[in-house]
Amino acid sequence: MYNESFKKYLMGYGSAISVVLFLIAMAIIAVYFRQLRKVDLIYG
């Protein structure tokens, strides 16, 4: 991401990579919180 944005001056491509990585991270966090809520309901 850094190379594409700053070394090759492809800012649009670098920001697109950033957005995709952000969305993947948010999906993983959402799954984690969903599992955490299930465990909390089971064990109190």
N, C-alpha and C. Protein backbone atom coordinates (compact mmCIF):
# COMPACT_ATOMS: atom_id res chain seq x y z
N MET A 1 0.84 -1.18 0.00
CA MET A 1 0.00 0.00 0.00
C MET A 1 0.89 1.25 0.00
N TYR A 2 1.90 1.25 0.86
CA TYR A 2 2.80 2.40 0.93
C TYR A 2 3.53 2.60 -0.40
N ASN A 3 4.03 1.51 -0.97
CA ASN A 3 4.77 1.61 -2.23
C ASN A 3 3.89 2.15 -3.34
N GLU A 4 2.66 1.66 -3.43
CA GLU A 4 1.77 2.10 -4.49
C GLU A 4 1.43 3.58 -4.34
N SER A 5 1.23 4.02 -3.12
CA SER A 5 0.79 5.40 -2.91
C SER A 5 1.92 6.41 -3.04
N PHE A 6 3.03 6.18 -2.37
CA PHE A 6 4.04 7.21 -2.25
C PHE A 6 5.25 7.02 -3.17
N LYS A 7 5.65 5.78 -3.40
CA LYS A 7 6.81 5.57 -4.25
C LYS A 7 6.44 5.60 -5.73
N LYS A 8 5.25 5.08 -6.07
CA LYS A 8 4.82 5.06 -7.47
C LYS A 8 3.83 6.18 -7.79
N TYR A 9 3.44 6.96 -6.78
CA TYR A 9 2.51 8.09 -6.94
C TYR A 9 1.16 7.66 -7.50
N LEU A 10 0.69 6.49 -7.08
CA LEU A 10 -0.64 6.02 -7.47
C LEU A 10 -1.57 6.16 -6.27
N MET A 11 -1.97 7.39 -5.99
CA MET A 11 -2.75 7.67 -4.78
C MET A 11 -4.12 6.98 -4.80
N GLY A 12 -4.76 6.96 -5.94
CA GLY A 12 -6.08 6.32 -6.02
C GLY A 12 -6.01 4.83 -5.74
N TYR A 13 -5.02 4.17 -6.31
CA TYR A 13 -4.85 2.74 -6.10
C TYR A 13 -4.49 2.45 -4.65
N GLY A 14 -3.63 3.26 -4.07
CA GLY A 14 -3.26 3.09 -2.67
C GLY A 14 -4.42 3.29 -1.73
N SER A 15 -5.26 4.29 -2.02
CA SER A 15 -6.41 4.51 -1.15
C SER A 15 -7.45 3.41 -1.33
N ALA A 16 -7.57 2.85 -2.53
CA ALA A 16 -8.49 1.73 -2.74
C ALA A 16 -8.04 0.52 -1.93
N ILE A 17 -6.74 0.27 -1.90
CA ILE A 17 -6.20 -0.82 -1.09
C ILE A 17 -6.51 -0.57 0.39
N SER A 18 -6.37 0.68 0.83
CA SER A 18 -6.66 1.02 2.22
C SER A 18 -8.11 0.76 2.57
N VAL A 19 -9.01 1.14 1.69
CA VAL A 19 -10.44 0.94 1.95
C VAL A 19 -10.77 -0.55 2.03
N VAL A 20 -10.21 -1.34 1.13
CA VAL A 20 -10.47 -2.78 1.15
C VAL A 20 -9.93 -3.40 2.43
N LEU A 21 -8.73 -3.03 2.84
CA LEU A 21 -8.18 -3.56 4.09
C LEU A 21 -9.01 -3.14 5.29
N PHE A 22 -9.51 -1.91 5.28
CA PHE A 22 -10.37 -1.43 6.37
C PHE A 22 -11.65 -2.25 6.43
N LEU A 23 -12.28 -2.51 5.29
CA LEU A 23 -13.52 -3.28 5.27
C LEU A 23 -13.30 -4.72 5.74
N ILE A 24 -12.18 -5.31 5.35
CA ILE A 24 -11.86 -6.66 5.82
C ILE A 24 -11.68 -6.68 7.33
N ALA A 25 -10.97 -5.68 7.86
CA ALA A 25 -10.77 -5.60 9.31
C ALA A 25 -12.09 -5.40 10.04
N MET A 26 -12.97 -4.57 9.50
CA MET A 26 -14.27 -4.35 10.14
C MET A 26 -15.12 -5.61 10.14
N ALA A 27 -15.05 -6.39 9.06
CA ALA A 27 -15.80 -7.66 9.00
C ALA A 27 -15.28 -8.63 10.05
N ILE A 28 -13.97 -8.72 10.21
CA ILE A 28 -13.39 -9.61 11.21
C ILE A 28 -13.78 -9.17 12.61
N ILE A 29 -13.77 -7.87 12.86
CA ILE A 29 -14.15 -7.34 14.17
C ILE A 29 -15.62 -7.62 14.45
N ALA A 30 -16.49 -7.48 13.43
CA ALA A 30 -17.92 -7.74 13.62
C ALA A 30 -18.15 -9.20 13.98
N VAL A 31 -17.46 -10.12 13.32
CA VAL A 31 -17.59 -11.54 13.64
C VAL A 31 -17.11 -11.81 15.06
N TYR A 32 -16.00 -11.20 15.43
CA TYR A 32 -15.47 -11.37 16.78
C TYR A 32 -16.45 -10.89 17.84
N PHE A 33 -17.03 -9.71 17.65
CA PHE A 33 -17.99 -9.19 18.62
C PHE A 33 -19.24 -10.05 18.69
N ARG A 34 -19.67 -10.59 17.55
CA ARG A 34 -20.84 -11.47 17.55
C ARG A 34 -20.55 -12.72 18.37
N GLN A 35 -19.36 -13.30 18.21
CA GLN A 35 -18.98 -14.47 18.99
C GLN A 35 -18.85 -14.12 20.47
N LEU A 36 -18.31 -12.95 20.75
CA LEU A 36 -18.15 -12.51 22.13
C LEU A 36 -19.51 -12.35 22.81
N ARG A 37 -20.49 -11.85 22.08
CA ARG A 37 -21.83 -11.68 22.64
C ARG A 37 -22.46 -13.04 22.93
N LYS A 38 -22.26 -14.03 22.05
CA LYS A 38 -22.80 -15.37 22.28
C LYS A 38 -22.19 -15.99 23.53
N VAL A 39 -20.90 -15.82 23.72
CA VAL A 39 -20.23 -16.37 24.90
C VAL A 39 -20.75 -15.67 26.15
N ASP A 40 -20.97 -14.38 26.07
CA ASP A 40 -21.47 -13.62 27.22
C ASP A 40 -22.88 -14.07 27.59
N LEU A 41 -23.70 -14.37 26.60
CA LEU A 41 -25.06 -14.84 26.89
C LEU A 41 -25.04 -16.24 27.51
N ILE A 42 -24.09 -17.07 27.12
CA ILE A 42 -24.01 -18.43 27.65
C ILE A 42 -23.48 -18.43 29.08
N TYR A 43 -22.40 -17.71 29.32
CA TYR A 43 -21.73 -17.76 30.61
C TYR A 43 -22.11 -16.61 31.54
N GLY A 44 -22.83 -15.65 31.05
CA GLY A 44 -23.28 -14.55 31.88
C GLY A 44 -22.24 -13.57 32.08
